[in-house]
């Protein structure tokens, strides 16, 4: 090879190397994440992992969460679980926002400055006004733990379990002003085990929802998801209203399957409670107790002897509560106020022969 040809190749190779070294890498698309409780952390973690991949086209440019609040038994004022996780991961504190309302003008001005292409919500817990929804270029998408349009609202998992559904799922949908009514980008269904409780099911659905989100992000960013998303049939919509604390009480006039589903649905918060009367035949004393019912199952044998319809019995490791319709509920785990949860055997042994009457 002559020297002139070698020189030309050397110049071309070096020019190409110089050009690539000064060409700026494509700007990553800014994404804002909105979430607050522990289940939301799963989604944020998935987004941060995906954004750090070499071929990622987006970055988490900011996090929006609920303001610090009193938590735990010490009632200390603490950041939300999402804020705590973000700080632990080293995200700059000036990119973690905790507005009282998502419509605060100061917050919206800051959000506009970040120029987000997409906002993602997962159990954020605040209503998003139109002026918020108008900011991100590709809109806002929400991970909702139900098969929309079923169970729109604040407590979809809890209400689904309370209804005793055999199937539920998670949906990825665009956010609109009407509650959980946006077009559905993707969804995934699951069979519901009859012993699973709300916290466990919530965790599962948000974990699967985060996978749906990562899978669909390319189509959301290129705009194809918006044109292909399926509008919801409002005529099939059901609601999942927020749970009130006074719903926690169990009434044993109801059938056992209703109470069992309620225990599963309200596990975590607000829990389920029942009042019982402890009777001491020797002294004649009576003592009313409030029990938190932790774990139950439906009793397969419902034979109750005459005169025992109001009394709780003990059978093979469970407290058996007679219920409406000739059914019975087995209580496997309980908790007294201010105490740790204990199994039914430990509780029954602690009665030392005293009788237990349901109220």
Protein backbone atom coordinates (compact mmCIF):
# COMPACT_ATOMS: atom_id res chain seq x y z
CA UNK A 1 0.00 0.00 0.00
CA UNK A 2 1.46 3.41 -1.01
CA UNK A 3 2.09 6.05 1.60
CA UNK A 4 -0.46 8.52 0.15
CA UNK A 5 -3.31 5.99 0.50
CA UNK A 6 -2.26 5.13 4.05
CA UNK A 7 -2.19 8.83 4.92
CA UNK A 8 -5.72 9.38 3.53
CA UNK A 9 -7.07 6.43 5.55
CA UNK A 10 -5.38 7.70 8.71
CA UNK A 11 -6.91 11.16 8.22
CA UNK A 12 -10.41 9.71 7.55
CA UNK A 13 -10.32 7.43 10.60
CA UNK A 14 -9.14 10.20 12.89
CA UNK A 15 -11.65 12.68 11.53
CA UNK A 16 -14.42 10.16 12.18
CA UNK A 17 -13.17 9.54 15.73
CA UNK A 18 -12.96 13.29 16.40
CA UNK A 19 -16.46 13.86 15.06
CA UNK A 20 -17.97 11.11 17.24
CA UNK A 21 -16.20 12.44 20.30
CA UNK A 22 -17.71 15.91 19.95
CA UNK A 23 -21.20 14.86 18.77
CA UNK A 24 -23.50 15.28 21.78
CA UNK A 25 -25.43 12.20 22.86
CA UNK A 26 -29.18 12.41 22.24
CA UNK A 27 -31.02 14.27 24.98
CA UNK A 28 -32.93 11.89 27.22
CA UNK A 29 -36.66 12.46 27.51
CA UNK A 30 -37.59 13.91 30.94
CA UNK A 31 -40.09 11.81 32.92
CA UNK A 32 -41.73 12.86 36.18
CA UNK A 33 -42.84 10.18 38.65
CA UNK A 34 -45.70 10.71 41.11
CA UNK A 35 -46.22 8.26 43.98
CA UNK A 36 -46.33 8.13 47.75
CA UNK A 37 -46.78 4.81 49.66
CA UNK A 38 -44.49 1.82 49.85
CA UNK A 39 -46.10 0.05 46.88
CA UNK A 40 -45.16 3.03 44.70
CA UNK A 41 -41.48 2.47 45.45
CA UNK A 42 -41.57 -0.67 43.28
CA UNK A 43 -42.53 1.43 40.27
CA UNK A 44 -39.94 4.14 40.96
CA UNK A 45 -37.25 1.50 41.36
CA UNK A 46 -38.17 -0.03 37.98
CA UNK A 47 -38.07 3.39 36.30
CA UNK A 48 -34.66 4.26 37.79
CA UNK A 49 -33.24 0.88 36.75
CA UNK A 50 -34.59 1.25 33.21
CA UNK A 51 -33.38 4.84 32.89
CA UNK A 52 -29.84 3.83 33.83
CA UNK A 53 -29.62 1.24 31.04
CA UNK A 54 -27.12 2.16 28.27
CA UNK A 55 -29.82 2.36 25.60
CA UNK A 56 -32.40 4.20 27.71
CA UNK A 57 -34.18 7.08 26.00
CA UNK A 58 -35.56 8.70 29.18
CA UNK A 59 -34.49 9.93 32.60
CA UNK A 60 -36.38 10.46 35.84
CA UNK A 61 -36.19 14.25 35.99
CA UNK A 62 -38.25 14.73 39.14
CA UNK A 63 -40.39 13.05 41.78
CA UNK A 64 -43.69 14.29 43.18
CA UNK A 65 -45.04 12.83 46.39
CA UNK A 66 -47.25 13.59 49.37
CA UNK A 67 -45.91 16.04 51.99
CA UNK A 68 -44.23 14.67 55.14
CA UNK A 69 -46.77 13.34 57.63
CA UNK A 70 -46.97 11.68 61.03
CA UNK A 71 -46.25 7.97 60.66
CA UNK A 72 -45.67 4.89 62.77
CA UNK A 73 -46.38 4.55 66.47
CA UNK A 74 -43.96 7.29 67.42
CA UNK A 75 -46.06 9.68 65.34
CA UNK A 76 -42.91 11.27 63.98
CA UNK A 77 -43.23 13.55 60.98
CA UNK A 78 -41.52 11.61 58.17
CA UNK A 79 -41.24 11.89 54.39
CA UNK A 80 -43.36 9.54 52.30
CA UNK A 81 -41.83 6.11 51.52
CA UNK A 82 -41.21 7.29 47.94
CA UNK A 83 -39.37 10.41 49.13
CA UNK A 84 -37.29 8.34 51.56
CA UNK A 85 -36.34 5.89 48.84
CA UNK A 86 -35.42 8.67 46.42
CA UNK A 87 -33.17 10.33 48.98
CA UNK A 88 -31.51 7.01 49.80
CA UNK A 89 -30.81 6.51 46.08
CA UNK A 90 -29.05 9.85 46.01
CA UNK A 91 -31.57 11.84 44.01
CA UNK A 92 -31.14 15.59 44.57
CA UNK A 93 -33.57 16.89 47.17
CA UNK A 94 -34.42 19.87 44.94
CA UNK A 95 -35.93 17.42 42.43
CA UNK A 96 -38.29 15.88 45.02
CA UNK A 97 -41.50 17.89 45.25
CA UNK A 98 -44.19 17.64 47.94
CA UNK A 99 -46.92 20.15 47.09
CA UNK A 100 -50.01 20.26 49.28
CA UNK A 101 -52.02 20.21 46.05
CA UNK A 102 -50.93 19.31 42.54
CA UNK A 103 -52.62 22.50 41.33
CA UNK A 104 -50.39 24.88 43.34
CA UNK A 105 -49.17 27.55 40.93
CA UNK A 106 -45.62 27.61 42.30
CA UNK A 107 -45.34 23.85 41.83
CA UNK A 108 -46.84 23.96 38.32
CA UNK A 109 -44.38 26.68 37.33
CA UNK A 110 -41.48 24.47 38.45
CA UNK A 111 -42.97 21.50 36.62
CA UNK A 112 -43.20 23.50 33.40
CA UNK A 113 -39.54 24.46 33.72
CA UNK A 114 -38.63 20.75 33.79
CA UNK A 115 -40.41 20.30 30.44
CA UNK A 116 -41.52 16.71 31.09
CA UNK A 117 -42.45 14.58 28.12
CA UNK A 118 -44.35 12.15 30.34
CA UNK A 119 -45.71 11.92 33.87
CA UNK A 120 -46.29 8.54 35.54
CA UNK A 121 -48.50 8.09 38.60
CA UNK A 122 -48.70 5.12 40.95
CA UNK A 123 -50.80 5.63 44.10
CA UNK A 124 -49.87 9.31 44.29
CA UNK A 125 -52.95 10.21 46.32
CA UNK A 126 -53.70 13.68 44.97
CA UNK A 127 -56.15 14.88 42.33
CA UNK A 128 -54.46 16.12 39.16
CA UNK A 129 -56.14 19.22 37.69
CA UNK A 130 -56.39 19.97 33.98
CA UNK A 131 -53.61 22.54 34.14
CA UNK A 132 -51.29 19.78 35.41
CA UNK A 133 -52.43 17.28 32.78
CA UNK A 134 -51.78 19.82 30.01
CA UNK A 135 -48.04 20.08 30.82
CA UNK A 136 -46.41 16.75 29.80
CA UNK A 137 -46.01 16.39 26.03
CA UNK A 138 -47.20 12.76 25.92
CA UNK A 139 -49.66 13.06 28.78
CA UNK A 140 -49.87 11.30 32.14
CA UNK A 141 -50.25 7.54 32.57
CA UNK A 142 -51.38 5.75 35.70
CA UNK A 143 -50.82 2.27 37.07
CA UNK A 144 -54.20 1.24 38.48
CA UNK A 145 -54.54 -2.07 40.39
CA UNK A 146 -57.74 -3.31 38.78
CA UNK A 147 -59.03 -4.39 35.39
CA UNK A 148 -60.52 -1.07 34.32
CA UNK A 149 -63.31 -0.05 34.04
CA UNK A 150 -63.89 -2.24 37.11
CA UNK A 151 -63.12 -0.74 40.53
CA UNK A 152 -62.42 2.86 39.66
CA UNK A 153 -61.49 4.82 42.76
CA UNK A 154 -59.32 4.97 45.86
CA UNK A 155 -59.52 1.34 47.08
CA UNK A 156 -59.69 -1.01 44.08
CA UNK A 157 -57.82 -3.94 45.63
CA UNK A 158 -59.65 -3.74 48.95
CA UNK A 159 -63.08 -3.54 47.36
CA UNK A 160 -62.30 -6.36 44.93
CA UNK A 161 -61.27 -8.65 47.79
CA UNK A 162 -64.28 -7.57 49.82
CA UNK A 163 -66.47 -8.64 46.90
CA UNK A 164 -64.69 -12.00 46.79
CA UNK A 165 -63.63 -11.73 43.15
CA UNK A 166 -61.86 -14.70 41.61
CA UNK A 167 -59.99 -12.56 39.08
CA UNK A 168 -58.47 -9.10 39.15
CA UNK A 169 -55.50 -7.39 37.56
CA UNK A 170 -53.62 -4.21 36.81
CA UNK A 171 -54.16 -1.60 34.10
CA UNK A 172 -51.93 1.03 32.53
CA UNK A 173 -54.13 3.90 31.41
CA UNK A 174 -53.94 7.53 30.38
CA UNK A 175 -55.06 9.95 33.07
CA UNK A 176 -58.01 12.22 32.33
CA UNK A 177 -60.02 14.51 34.59
CA UNK A 178 -62.74 11.90 35.11
CA UNK A 179 -61.77 9.39 37.80
CA UNK A 180 -59.75 6.46 36.37
CA UNK A 181 -61.62 6.78 33.07
CA UNK A 182 -58.77 7.20 30.56
CA UNK A 183 -58.07 4.90 27.64
CA UNK A 184 -56.27 1.67 28.60
CA UNK A 185 -52.80 1.12 27.12
CA UNK A 186 -52.29 -2.38 28.52
CA UNK A 187 -53.56 -4.67 31.28
CA UNK A 188 -52.81 -8.02 32.84
CA UNK A 189 -55.19 -10.29 34.76
CA UNK A 190 -54.55 -12.67 37.67
CA UNK A 191 -56.49 -15.35 39.50
CA UNK A 192 -57.12 -14.41 43.13
CA UNK A 193 -56.24 -16.91 45.84
CA UNK A 194 -58.99 -17.07 48.48
CA UNK A 195 -56.49 -16.50 51.30
CA UNK A 196 -54.49 -13.59 49.85
CA UNK A 197 -54.72 -10.29 51.74
CA UNK A 198 -54.79 -6.75 50.39
CA UNK A 199 -51.16 -5.75 51.15
CA UNK A 200 -49.82 -8.85 49.39
CA UNK A 201 -52.11 -8.41 46.38
CA UNK A 202 -51.31 -4.69 46.15
CA UNK A 203 -47.60 -5.47 46.09
CA UNK A 204 -48.07 -8.08 43.36
CA UNK A 205 -50.18 -5.82 41.15
CA UNK A 206 -47.85 -2.81 41.36
CA UNK A 207 -44.87 -5.05 40.66
CA UNK A 208 -46.57 -6.40 37.55
CA UNK A 209 -47.79 -2.92 36.67
CA UNK A 210 -44.25 -1.60 36.67
CA UNK A 211 -43.30 -4.29 34.14
CA UNK A 212 -46.21 -3.25 31.93
CA UNK A 213 -45.07 0.36 32.16
CA UNK A 214 -41.45 -0.34 31.18
CA UNK A 215 -42.65 -2.51 28.29
CA UNK A 216 -44.99 0.18 26.97
CA UNK A 217 -42.79 3.27 27.46
CA UNK A 218 -41.38 3.23 23.88
CA UNK A 219 -44.88 3.30 22.39
CA UNK A 220 -45.94 6.04 24.81
CA UNK A 221 -42.98 8.20 23.89
CA UNK A 222 -43.40 7.71 20.13
CA UNK A 223 -47.12 8.52 20.36
CA UNK A 224 -48.44 5.20 19.06
CA UNK A 225 -49.84 4.20 22.47
CA UNK A 226 -52.25 7.14 22.44
CA UNK A 227 -53.75 6.13 19.10
CA UNK A 228 -53.90 2.43 19.98
CA UNK A 229 -55.17 2.72 23.59
CA UNK A 230 -58.64 1.23 24.13
CA UNK A 231 -61.38 3.55 25.43
CA UNK A 232 -63.18 2.28 28.52
CA UNK A 233 -66.81 1.22 28.42
CA UNK A 234 -68.34 3.49 31.05
CA UNK A 235 -71.48 1.33 31.18
CA UNK A 236 -69.40 -1.45 32.74
CA UNK A 237 -67.64 0.75 35.31
CA UNK A 238 -67.82 -0.07 39.02
CA UNK A 239 -66.59 2.09 41.87
CA UNK A 240 -64.12 1.42 44.69
CA UNK A 241 -64.75 4.14 47.27
CA UNK A 242 -62.30 5.02 50.02
CA UNK A 243 -62.56 2.85 53.14
CA UNK A 244 -63.95 4.48 56.29
CA UNK A 245 -62.52 3.47 59.70
CA UNK A 246 -65.96 2.47 61.02
CA UNK A 247 -66.20 -0.22 58.35
CA UNK A 248 -63.66 -2.23 60.35
CA UNK A 249 -66.21 -3.81 62.70
CA UNK A 250 -67.35 -7.37 62.03
CA UNK A 251 -70.97 -8.39 62.49
CA UNK A 252 -71.34 -12.13 63.02
CA UNK A 253 -74.93 -11.93 61.83
CA UNK A 254 -73.42 -11.94 58.34
CA UNK A 255 -72.32 -15.14 56.63
CA UNK A 256 -68.76 -16.39 57.14
CA UNK A 257 -67.62 -15.80 53.55
CA UNK A 258 -68.56 -12.11 53.79
CA UNK A 259 -66.54 -11.70 56.98
CA UNK A 260 -63.57 -13.68 55.65
CA UNK A 261 -63.40 -11.49 52.55
CA UNK A 262 -63.62 -8.38 54.69
CA UNK A 263 -60.71 -9.53 56.87
CA UNK A 264 -58.58 -10.07 53.74
CA UNK A 265 -59.65 -6.79 52.18
CA UNK A 266 -59.02 -4.59 55.23
CA UNK A 267 -55.75 -6.22 56.31
CA UNK A 268 -53.09 -3.58 56.86
CA UNK A 269 -55.55 -0.69 57.23
CA UNK A 270 -57.99 -0.25 58.86
CA UNK A 271 -57.97 -3.89 59.92
CA UNK A 272 -61.06 -5.73 61.16
CA UNK A 273 -62.30 -5.78 64.73
CA UNK A 274 -64.79 -7.69 66.84
CA UNK A 275 -66.04 -7.41 70.41
CA UNK A 276 -66.27 -10.51 72.58
CA UNK A 277 -67.28 -11.19 76.17
CA UNK A 278 -65.03 -13.27 78.44
CA UNK A 279 -67.14 -15.16 81.02
CA UNK A 280 -65.77 -16.65 84.22
CA UNK A 281 -68.34 -19.17 85.51
CA UNK A 282 -66.57 -19.53 88.87
CA UNK A 283 -66.55 -15.85 89.85
CA UNK A 284 -69.41 -14.68 87.64
CA UNK A 285 -67.22 -11.92 86.23
CA UNK A 286 -67.59 -10.64 82.69
CA UNK A 287 -64.97 -8.77 80.73
CA UNK A 288 -65.51 -7.22 77.30
CA UNK A 289 -62.57 -7.47 74.91
CA UNK A 290 -61.88 -5.82 71.58
CA UNK A 291 -60.06 -8.17 69.22
CA UNK A 292 -58.33 -7.28 65.98
CA UNK A 293 -59.01 -10.19 63.64
CA UNK A 294 -55.85 -10.85 61.64
CA UNK A 295 -56.27 -14.14 59.75
CA UNK A 296 -59.35 -16.25 59.04
CA UNK A 297 -60.73 -19.01 56.89
CA UNK A 298 -64.22 -20.30 56.23
CA UNK A 299 -65.10 -23.27 58.44
CA UNK A 300 -65.95 -26.34 56.37
CA UNK A 301 -67.82 -28.02 59.23
CA UNK A 302 -70.63 -25.77 60.44
CA UNK A 303 -72.30 -28.01 63.00
CA UNK A 304 -73.21 -25.87 66.02
CA UNK A 305 -74.85 -27.47 69.07
CA UNK A 306 -78.06 -26.04 70.47
CA UNK A 307 -77.36 -23.28 72.94
CA UNK A 308 -73.89 -22.59 71.52
CA UNK A 309 -74.89 -20.21 68.72
CA UNK A 310 -73.56 -17.24 70.70
CA UNK A 311 -70.38 -18.87 71.97
CA UNK A 312 -66.93 -19.13 70.45
CA UNK A 313 -65.36 -22.59 70.50
CA UNK A 314 -61.84 -23.84 69.87
CA UNK A 315 -61.10 -26.47 67.25
CA UNK A 316 -57.80 -27.62 65.77
CA UNK A 317 -55.91 -24.37 66.26
CA UNK A 318 -58.71 -21.95 65.47
CA UNK A 319 -61.40 -19.96 67.24
CA UNK A 320 -64.74 -20.90 65.67
CA UNK A 321 -67.28 -18.05 65.51
CA UNK A 322 -70.85 -19.05 64.58
CA UNK A 323 -72.11 -16.72 61.81
CA UNK A 324 -75.27 -15.97 59.89
CA UNK A 325 -76.93 -18.50 57.64
CA UNK A 326 -75.67 -21.44 59.69
CA UNK A 327 -72.04 -20.77 58.66
CA UNK A 328 -68.94 -20.43 60.83
CA UNK A 329 -65.69 -18.49 60.62
CA UNK A 330 -62.37 -19.88 61.82
CA UNK A 331 -60.13 -17.19 63.31
CA UNK A 332 -56.49 -18.23 63.20
CA UNK A 333 -54.75 -15.09 64.45
CA UNK A 334 -55.85 -12.21 66.70
CA UNK A 335 -54.40 -9.13 68.37
CA UNK A 336 -55.36 -7.42 71.61
CA UNK A 337 -55.05 -3.62 71.85
CA UNK A 338 -51.41 -2.63 72.43
CA UNK A 339 -50.19 -6.21 72.06
CA UNK A 340 -48.53 -8.26 69.35
CA UNK A 341 -50.57 -10.57 67.14
CA UNK A 342 -50.82 -14.13 68.47
CA UNK A 343 -52.23 -17.36 67.09
CA UNK A 344 -55.59 -18.70 68.21
CA UNK A 345 -54.03 -21.45 70.34
CA UNK A 346 -52.06 -18.95 72.44
CA UNK A 347 -55.13 -16.78 72.90
CA UNK A 348 -57.35 -19.72 73.88
CA UNK A 349 -54.79 -21.01 76.39
CA UNK A 350 -54.68 -17.55 77.93
CA UNK A 351 -58.40 -17.76 78.75
CA UNK A 352 -57.65 -20.53 81.28
CA UNK A 353 -61.02 -22.20 80.93
CA UNK A 354 -63.12 -19.05 80.69
CA UNK A 355 -65.88 -18.97 78.09
CA UNK A 356 -65.91 -16.65 75.09
CA UNK A 357 -69.15 -15.12 73.82
CA UNK A 358 -69.49 -13.10 70.64
CA UNK A 359 -71.18 -9.71 70.83
